[in-house]
C-alpha atoms as a PDB file:
ATOM      1  CA  MET A   1     157.017  45.403  77.690  1.00  0.00           C
ATOM      2  CA  THR A   2     153.853  46.946  76.146  1.00  0.00           C
ATOM      3  CA  ASP A   3     154.221  49.361  73.219  1.00  0.00           C
ATOM      4  CA  THR A   4     152.651  52.076  75.379  1.00  0.00           C
ATOM      5  CA  ARG A   5     155.240  51.689  78.077  1.00  0.00           C
ATOM      6  CA  LYS A   6     157.994  51.708  75.514  1.00  0.00           C
ATOM      7  CA  ILE A   7     156.766  55.006  74.053  1.00  0.00           C
ATOM      8  CA  LEU A   8     156.513  56.582  77.482  1.00  0.00           C
ATOM      9  CA  GLU A   9     160.061  55.430  78.339  1.00  0.00           C
ATOM     10  CA  GLU A  10     161.340  57.020  75.077  1.00  0.00           C
ATOM     11  CA  VAL A  11     159.672  60.307  76.083  1.00  0.00           C
ATOM     12  CA  ARG A  12     161.252  60.075  79.556  1.00  0.00           C
ATOM     13  CA  ASP A  13     164.742  59.447  78.034  1.00  0.00           C
ATOM     14  CA  GLY A  14     164.338  62.312  75.555  1.00  0.00           C
ATOM     15  CA  ARG A  15     164.370  60.134  72.443  1.00  0.00           C
ATOM     16  CA  VAL A  16     160.877  61.052  71.445  1.00  0.00           C
ATOM     17  CA  SER A  17     159.026  64.363  71.815  1.00  0.00           C
ATOM     18  CA  VAL A  18     155.718  64.618  73.669  1.00  0.00           C
ATOM     19  CA  ASP A  19     153.934  65.556  70.432  1.00  0.00           C
ATOM     20  CA  GLU A  20     155.434  62.728  68.486  1.00  0.00           C
ATOM     21  CA  ALA A  21     154.545  60.224  71.280  1.00  0.00           C
ATOM     22  CA  LEU A  22     150.945  61.530  71.369  1.00  0.00           C
ATOM     23  CA  VAL A  23     150.518  60.959  67.605  1.00  0.00           C
ATOM     24  CA  ARG A  24     152.011  57.472  67.914  1.00  0.00           C
ATOM     25  CA  LEU A  25     149.625  56.632  70.778  1.00  0.00           C
ATOM     26  CA  LYS A  26     146.592  57.958  68.883  1.00  0.00           C
ATOM     27  CA  THR A  27     147.350  56.214  65.627  1.00  0.00           C
ATOM     28  CA  LYS A  28     148.469  52.796  66.872  1.00  0.00           C
ATOM     29  CA  PRO A  29     145.605  50.727  65.501  1.00  0.00           C
ATOM     30  CA  PHE A  30     145.284  47.481  67.392  1.00  0.00           C
ATOM     31  CA  GLU A  31     146.841  44.309  68.737  1.00  0.00           C
ATOM     32  CA  ASP A  32     146.230  41.215  66.602  1.00  0.00           C
ATOM     33  CA  ILE A  33     145.456  38.181  68.684  1.00  0.00           C
ATOM     34  CA  GLY A  34     144.399  35.945  65.821  1.00  0.00           C
ATOM     35  CA  PHE A  35     140.606  35.822  65.926  1.00  0.00           C
ATOM     36  CA  ALA A  36     140.359  39.565  66.810  1.00  0.00           C
ATOM     37  CA  LYS A  37     142.172  42.824  66.339  1.00  0.00           C
ATOM     38  CA  VAL A  38     141.861  44.535  69.686  1.00  0.00           C
ATOM     39  CA  ASP A  39     141.660  48.328  69.616  1.00  0.00           C
ATOM     40  CA  ILE A  40     143.846  49.051  72.543  1.00  0.00           C
ATOM     41  CA  HIS A  41     144.027  52.818  72.080  1.00  0.00           C
ATOM     42  CA  ARG A  42     140.371  53.602  71.642  1.00  0.00           C
ATOM     43  CA  SER A  43     140.304  55.231  75.095  1.00  0.00           C
ATOM     44  CA  ILE A  44     142.923  57.740  73.872  1.00  0.00           C
ATOM     45  CA  ARG A  45     140.952  58.584  70.707  1.00  0.00           C
ATOM     46  CA  GLN A  46     137.430  58.386  72.156  1.00  0.00           C
ATOM     47  CA  GLY A  47     137.715  58.659  75.868  1.00  0.00           C
ATOM     48  CA  ALA A  48     136.510  55.112  76.559  1.00  0.00           C
ATOM     49  CA  ALA A  49     138.001  51.675  75.974  1.00  0.00           C
ATOM     50  CA  GLU A  50     136.746  49.131  73.472  1.00  0.00           C
ATOM     51  CA  VAL A  51     133.567  47.394  74.621  1.00  0.00           C
ATOM     52  CA  ILE A  52     133.353  43.600  74.014  1.00  0.00           C
ATOM     53  CA  TYR A  53     130.223  42.335  72.214  1.00  0.00           C
ATOM     54  CA  GLY A  54     129.881  38.913  73.897  1.00  0.00           C
ATOM     55  CA  GLU A  55     126.886  37.329  72.084  1.00  0.00           C
ATOM     56  CA  SER A  56     128.844  35.662  69.238  1.00  0.00           C
ATOM     57  CA  LYS A  57     132.064  35.000  71.122  1.00  0.00           C
ATOM     58  CA  THR A  58     133.096  31.983  73.157  1.00  0.00           C
ATOM     59  CA  PRO A  59     134.080  32.427  76.833  1.00  0.00           C
ATOM     60  CA  GLU A  60     137.690  31.777  75.802  1.00  0.00           C
ATOM     61  CA  GLN A  61     137.600  34.519  73.183  1.00  0.00           C
ATOM     62  CA  ILE A  62     135.962  36.985  75.631  1.00  0.00           C
ATOM     63  CA  CYS A  63     138.691  36.298  78.248  1.00  0.00           C
ATOM     64  CA  SER A  64     141.476  36.721  75.643  1.00  0.00           C
ATOM     65  CA  VAL A  65     140.165  40.093  74.598  1.00  0.00           C
ATOM     66  CA  VAL A  66     139.842  41.146  78.253  1.00  0.00           C
ATOM     67  CA  GLU A  67     143.311  40.026  79.047  1.00  0.00           C
ATOM     68  CA  THR A  68     144.721  41.847  76.032  1.00  0.00           C
ATOM     69  CA  LEU A  69     143.009  45.083  77.040  1.00  0.00           C
ATOM     70  CA  LYS A  70     144.186  44.759  80.634  1.00  0.00           C
ATOM     71  CA  GLY A  71     147.750  43.946  79.514  1.00  0.00           C
ATOM     72  CA  ASN A  72     147.780  47.210  77.662  1.00  0.00           C
ATOM     73  CA  GLY A  73     146.783  49.359  80.547  1.00  0.00           C
ATOM     74  CA  CYS A  74     142.942  49.171  80.468  1.00  0.00           C
ATOM     75  CA  ASP A  75     141.759  48.829  84.106  1.00  0.00           C
ATOM     76  CA  ARG A  76     138.040  48.486  83.282  1.00  0.00           C
ATOM     77  CA  VAL A  77     136.297  46.423  80.613  1.00  0.00           C
ATOM     78  CA  LEU A  78     132.606  46.215  79.772  1.00  0.00           C
ATOM     79  CA  ILE A  79     131.113  43.111  78.039  1.00  0.00           C
ATOM     80  CA  THR A  80     127.682  43.285  76.476  1.00  0.00           C
ATOM     81  CA  ARG A  81     125.173  40.613  75.507  1.00  0.00           C
ATOM     82  CA  ILE A  82     126.759  37.788  77.484  1.00  0.00           C
ATOM     83  CA  ASP A  83     124.532  35.017  78.775  1.00  0.00           C
ATOM     84  CA  ALA A  84     124.735  33.315  82.181  1.00  0.00           C
ATOM     85  CA  GLU A  85     126.536  30.241  80.968  1.00  0.00           C
ATOM     86  CA  LYS A  86     129.342  32.213  79.282  1.00  0.00           C
ATOM     87  CA  ALA A  87     129.484  34.605  82.249  1.00  0.00           C
ATOM     88  CA  GLU A  88     129.992  31.684  84.675  1.00  0.00           C
ATOM     89  CA  GLU A  89     132.920  30.294  82.671  1.00  0.00           C
ATOM     90  CA  ALA A  90     134.495  33.679  82.090  1.00  0.00           C
ATOM     91  CA  GLY A  91     134.150  34.555  85.749  1.00  0.00           C
ATOM     92  CA  ARG A  92     136.100  31.503  86.784  1.00  0.00           C
ATOM     93  CA  ARG A  93     138.959  32.480  84.538  1.00  0.00           C
ATOM     94  CA  LEU A  94     138.977  36.204  85.203  1.00  0.00           C
ATOM     95  CA  GLY A  95     138.519  36.030  88.964  1.00  0.00           C
ATOM     96  CA  THR A  96     137.023  38.475  91.442  1.00  0.00           C
ATOM     97  CA  ASP A  97     137.352  41.536  89.177  1.00  0.00           C
ATOM     98  CA  PHE A  98     134.554  40.038  87.066  1.00  0.00           C
ATOM     99  CA  GLU A  99     130.898  40.925  87.871  1.00  0.00           C
ATOM    100  CA  TYR A 100     127.805  39.708  85.992  1.00  0.00           C
ATOM    101  CA  PHE A 101     124.440  41.536  85.729  1.00  0.00           C
ATOM    102  CA  PRO A 102     122.059  38.873  84.419  1.00  0.00           C
ATOM    103  CA  GLU A 103     119.034  41.130  83.807  1.00  0.00           C
ATOM    104  CA  ALA A 104     120.976  43.355  81.606  1.00  0.00           C
ATOM    105  CA  ARG A 105     123.149  40.611  80.177  1.00  0.00           C
ATOM    106  CA  LEU A 106     126.211  42.655  80.949  1.00  0.00           C
ATOM    107  CA  ALA A 107     129.446  41.873  82.634  1.00  0.00           C
ATOM    108  CA  THR A 108     132.189  44.177  83.937  1.00  0.00           C
ATOM    109  CA  VAL A 109     135.850  43.625  84.750  1.00  0.00           C
ATOM    110  CA  GLY A 110     137.311  46.167  87.233  1.00  0.00           C
ATOM    111  CA  GLU A 111     135.621  48.647  89.595  1.00  0.00           C
ATOM    112  CA  PHE A 112     133.106  51.243  88.534  1.00  0.00           C
ATOM    113  CA  PRO A 113     134.552  54.755  88.592  1.00  0.00           C
ATOM    114  CA  GLU A 114     133.415  57.671  90.750  1.00  0.00           C
ATOM    115  CA  PRO A 115     130.881  59.699  88.792  1.00  0.00           C
ATOM    116  CA  ASP A 116     132.501  62.621  87.090  1.00  0.00           C
ATOM    117  CA  GLY A 117     129.839  63.717  84.674  1.00  0.00           C
ATOM    118  CA  LYS A 118     128.094  67.061  84.888  1.00  0.00           C
ATOM    119  CA  GLY A 119     124.773  65.897  86.199  1.00  0.00           C
ATOM    120  CA  THR A 120     122.390  62.945  86.213  1.00  0.00           C
ATOM    121  CA  VAL A 121     121.377  60.513  83.501  1.00  0.00           C
ATOM    122  CA  LEU A 122     117.698  59.622  84.056  1.00  0.00           C
ATOM    123  CA  VAL A 123     116.455  56.310  82.627  1.00  0.00           C
ATOM    124  CA  VAL A 124     112.651  55.999  82.299  1.00  0.00           C
ATOM    125  CA  THR A 125     110.650  53.002  81.222  1.00  0.00           C
ATOM    126  CA  GLY A 126     107.190  52.651  79.892  1.00  0.00           C
ATOM    127  CA  GLY A 127     106.575  49.332  81.604  1.00  0.00           C
ATOM    128  CA  THR A 128     108.261  46.709  83.735  1.00  0.00           C
ATOM    129  CA  SER A 129     108.881  44.588  80.618  1.00  0.00           C
ATOM    130  CA  ASP A 130     111.241  47.265  79.403  1.00  0.00           C
ATOM    131  CA  ILE A 131     113.501  47.063  82.553  1.00  0.00           C
ATOM    132  CA  PRO A 132     116.078  44.660  81.140  1.00  0.00           C
ATOM    133  CA  VAL A 133     116.951  47.097  78.352  1.00  0.00           C
ATOM    134  CA  ALA A 134     116.865  50.007  80.792  1.00  0.00           C
ATOM    135  CA  ARG A 135     119.284  48.131  83.044  1.00  0.00           C
ATOM    136  CA  GLU A 136     121.663  47.780  80.105  1.00  0.00           C
ATOM    137  CA  ALA A 137     121.593  51.539  79.638  1.00  0.00           C
ATOM    138  CA  GLU A 138     121.990  52.237  83.370  1.00  0.00           C
ATOM    139  CA  ILE A 139     124.970  50.081  83.859  1.00  0.00           C
ATOM    140  CA  THR A 140     126.655  51.272  80.710  1.00  0.00           C
ATOM    141  CA  ALA A 141     126.226  54.861  81.777  1.00  0.00           C
ATOM    142  CA  ARG A 142     127.458  54.184  85.384  1.00  0.00           C
ATOM    143  CA  PHE A 143     130.443  52.228  84.005  1.00  0.00           C
ATOM    144  CA  HIS A 144     131.428  55.339  82.077  1.00  0.00           C
ATOM    145  CA  GLY A 145     131.438  57.639  85.051  1.00  0.00           C
ATOM    146  CA  ASN A 146     127.879  58.905  85.263  1.00  0.00           C
ATOM    147  CA  ARG A 147     125.429  59.294  88.105  1.00  0.00           C
ATOM    148  CA  VAL A 148     122.263  57.429  87.078  1.00  0.00           C
ATOM    149  CA  GLU A 149     118.710  57.467  88.396  1.00  0.00           C
ATOM    150  CA  SER A 150     115.780  55.402  87.166  1.00  0.00           C
ATOM    151  CA  ILE A 151     111.966  55.594  86.987  1.00  0.00           C
ATOM    152  CA  TYR A 152     110.226  52.405  85.991  1.00  0.00           C
ATOM    153  CA  ASP A 153     106.682  51.677  84.756  1.00  0.00           C
ATOM    154  CA  VAL A 154     105.404  55.152  83.996  1.00  0.00           C
ATOM    155  CA  GLY A 155     104.029  54.621  80.511  1.00  0.00           C
ATOM    156  CA  VAL A 156     101.371  56.650  78.827  1.00  0.00           C
ATOM    157  CA  ALA A 157      98.570  54.241  79.699  1.00  0.00           C
ATOM    158  CA  GLY A 158      98.660  55.923  83.133  1.00  0.00           C
ATOM    159  CA  ILE A 159     100.326  59.206  82.302  1.00  0.00           C
ATOM    160  CA  HIS A 160      99.685  60.612  85.801  1.00  0.00           C
ATOM    161  CA  ARG A 161     102.382  58.294  87.069  1.00  0.00           C
ATOM    162  CA  LEU A 162     104.939  60.060  84.774  1.00  0.00           C
ATOM    163  CA  LEU A 163     103.758  63.541  85.558  1.00  0.00           C
ATOM    164  CA  SER A 164     104.353  63.002  89.322  1.00  0.00           C
ATOM    165  CA  TYR A 165     108.067  62.908  88.475  1.00  0.00           C
ATOM    166  CA  SER A 166     108.108  66.132  86.490  1.00  0.00           C
ATOM    167  CA  ASP A 167     110.759  67.799  88.761  1.00  0.00           C
ATOM    168  CA  LYS A 168     113.176  64.873  88.424  1.00  0.00           C
ATOM    169  CA  ILE A 169     112.699  64.774  84.692  1.00  0.00           C
ATOM    170  CA  MET A 170     113.388  68.474  84.330  1.00  0.00           C
ATOM    171  CA  GLU A 171     116.497  68.328  86.572  1.00  0.00           C
ATOM    172  CA  ALA A 172     118.247  65.547  84.646  1.00  0.00           C
ATOM    173  CA  THR A 173     121.065  66.346  82.270  1.00  0.00           C
ATOM    174  CA  VAL A 174     119.808  63.747  79.773  1.00  0.00           C
ATOM    175  CA  VAL A 175     116.835  61.414  79.720  1.00  0.00           C
ATOM    176  CA  VAL A 176     116.751  57.910  78.316  1.00  0.00           C
ATOM    177  CA  ALA A 177     113.227  56.793  77.329  1.00  0.00           C
ATOM    178  CA  VAL A 178     112.844  53.042  77.072  1.00  0.00           C
ATOM    179  CA  ALA A 179     109.516  51.766  75.703  1.00  0.00           C
ATOM    180  CA  GLY A 180     107.918  49.171  73.543  1.00  0.00           C
ATOM    181  CA  MET A 181     104.304  48.865  72.307  1.00  0.00           C
ATOM    182  CA  GLU A 182     103.644  52.163  70.399  1.00  0.00           C
ATOM    183  CA  GLY A 183     106.724  53.933  71.885  1.00  0.00           C
ATOM    184  CA  ALA A 184     104.816  57.087  72.833  1.00  0.00           C
ATOM    185  CA  LEU A 185     106.872  57.643  75.996  1.00  0.00           C
ATOM    186  CA  ALA A 186     109.741  59.373  74.198  1.00  0.00           C
ATOM    187  CA  SER A 187     107.463  62.038  72.648  1.00  0.00           C
ATOM    188  CA  VAL A 188     105.804  62.768  76.005  1.00  0.00           C
ATOM    189  CA  LEU A 189     109.212  63.128  77.710  1.00  0.00           C
ATOM    190  CA  GLY A 190     110.436  65.296  74.867  1.00  0.00           C
ATOM    191  CA  GLY A 191     107.501  67.613  75.535  1.00  0.00           C
ATOM    192  CA  LEU A 192     108.199  67.876  79.209  1.00  0.00           C
ATOM    193  CA  THR A 193     111.836  68.828  79.330  1.00  0.00           C
ATOM    194  CA  ASP A 194     114.427  70.997  77.621  1.00  0.00           C
ATOM    195  CA  ARG A 195     117.098  68.338  78.004  1.00  0.00           C
ATOM    196  CA  PRO A 196     118.071  65.776  75.298  1.00  0.00           C
ATOM    197  CA  VAL A 197     115.905  62.674  75.138  1.00  0.00           C
ATOM    198  CA  ILE A 198     117.433  59.445  73.871  1.00  0.00           C
ATOM    199  CA  ALA A 199     114.648  57.066  72.816  1.00  0.00           C
ATOM    200  CA  VAL A 200     115.142  53.219  72.993  1.00  0.00           C
ATOM    201  CA  PRO A 201     112.455  51.148  71.268  1.00  0.00           C
ATOM    202  CA  THR A 202     112.062  47.733  72.847  1.00  0.00           C
ATOM    203  CA  SER A 203     110.815  44.510  71.341  1.00  0.00           C
ATOM    204  CA  VAL A 204     107.927  44.440  73.741  1.00  0.00           C
ATOM    205  CA  GLY A 205     104.351  44.247  72.498  1.00  0.00           C
ATOM    206  CA  TYR A 206     101.729  42.308  70.717  1.00  0.00           C
ATOM    207  CA  GLY A 207     101.771  41.131  67.100  1.00  0.00           C
ATOM    208  CA  THR A 208     101.706  44.496  65.281  1.00  0.00           C
ATOM    209  CA  SER A 209     104.569  45.723  67.407  1.00  0.00           C
ATOM    210  CA  PHE A 210     106.684  43.669  64.904  1.00  0.00           C
ATOM    211  CA  GLY A 211     109.406  43.050  67.411  1.00  0.00           C
ATOM    212  CA  GLY A 212     109.896  46.693  68.236  1.00  0.00           C
ATOM    213  CA  LEU A 213     109.629  48.139  64.758  1.00  0.00           C
ATOM    214  CA  THR A 214     106.391  49.949  65.529  1.00  0.00           C
ATOM    215  CA  ALA A 215     107.993  51.679  68.533  1.00  0.00           C
ATOM    216  CA  LEU A 216     111.118  52.505  66.449  1.00  0.00           C
ATOM    217  CA  LEU A 217     109.105  54.132  63.680  1.00  0.00           C
ATOM    218  CA  SER A 218     106.954  56.028  66.235  1.00  0.00           C
ATOM    219  CA  MET A 219     110.011  57.383  67.962  1.00  0.00           C
ATOM    220  CA  LEU A 220     111.642  58.349  64.668  1.00  0.00           C
ATOM    221  CA  ASN A 221     108.456  60.291  63.788  1.00  0.00           C
ATOM    222  CA  SER A 222     108.247  61.994  67.123  1.00  0.00           C
ATOM    223  CA  CYS A 223     106.848  65.593  66.931  1.00  0.00           C
ATOM    224  CA  ALA A 224     108.773  66.573  70.050  1.00  0.00           C
ATOM    225  CA  SER A 225     112.084  68.407  69.446  1.00  0.00           C
ATOM    226  CA  GLY A 226     115.264  67.112  70.924  1.00  0.00           C
ATOM    227  CA  VAL A 227     114.478  63.329  70.690  1.00  0.00           C
ATOM    228  CA  SER A 228     117.088  61.091  69.200  1.00  0.00           C
ATOM    229  CA  VAL A 229     116.612  57.323  68.621  1.00  0.00           C
ATOM    230  CA  VAL A 230     118.904  54.300  68.939  1.00  0.00           C
ATOM    231  CA  ASN A 231     118.149  50.819  67.588  1.00  0.00           C
ATOM    232  CA  ILE A 232     115.694  48.272  68.936  1.00  0.00           C
ATOM    233  CA  ASP A 233     116.671  46.993  72.439  1.00  0.00           C
ATOM    234  CA  ASN A 234     119.979  48.967  72.212  1.00  0.00           C
ATOM    235  CA  GLY A 235     120.292  49.991  75.882  1.00  0.00           C
ATOM    236  CA  PHE A 236     124.044  49.964  75.541  1.00  0.00           C
ATOM    237  CA  GLY A 237     123.980  52.560  72.807  1.00  0.00           C
ATOM    238  CA  ALA A 238     121.623  54.778  74.657  1.00  0.00           C
ATOM    239  CA  GLY A 239     123.633  54.588  77.937  1.00  0.00           C
ATOM    240  CA  TYR A 240     126.880  55.293  76.117  1.00  0.00           C
ATOM    241  CA  LEU A 241     125.528  58.314  74.284  1.00  0.00           C
ATOM    242  CA  ALA A 242     123.868  59.603  77.462  1.00  0.00           C
ATOM    243  CA  GLY A 243     127.248  59.468  79.177  1.00  0.00           C
ATOM    244  CA  MET A 244     128.896  61.352  76.402  1.00  0.00           C
ATOM    245  CA  ILE A 245     126.294  64.114  76.593  1.00  0.00           C
ATOM    246  CA  ASN A 246     126.606  64.247  80.407  1.00  0.00           C
ATOM    247  CA  HIS A 247     130.384  64.770  80.053  1.00  0.00           C
ATOM    248  CA  THR A 248     130.139  67.456  77.373  1.00  0.00           C
END
């Protein structure tokens, strides 16, 4: 029997009050599985379950964390930065609930929910080279119950392409701007809409892009109001934050 079920049964039997049970559920820290301490009650505190960062984990470790989360009532799990080889092995163990998105290097366990956010998360890229990071943002936002639309390859080198989507940009609840090179896309979008813009610098560009540092600094120095910035190539962080805004 899981601790969560035990608490709920105690409430049913009148041994624990609803308020006391809620406090216990919120403050239960984790389940220790040796190599990891799995935060099984994060969804109660934050509204979304723990996300597994797969890059430094073995397939066996990834599966163990997934199974711990599912065993404690989590019906959907998101795994970030997982390569194809790990995904293939994890998929064999986890079965048909497992789905891999190679371009985004993301995997999911369980079905995507029906969108219940207020509006639309719009993901916009400067170029086609930025699409993998954009896909990470898109899938993350969808996985957390948001309707997502995308516009690719509308960077400032041909700004007429971006301006042709002005209506869609203005209608979105939140805009995610994904761009490398000099990162100017975020400032332009910030000047076109009254909605929040989340800027994602990517490690796309020639030598003086410094692996995305130039875009990062440009976005941080944006003169447009309402632009926030996540770390280089952090599509997950942008998609997660966009989903939170869309549910506020």
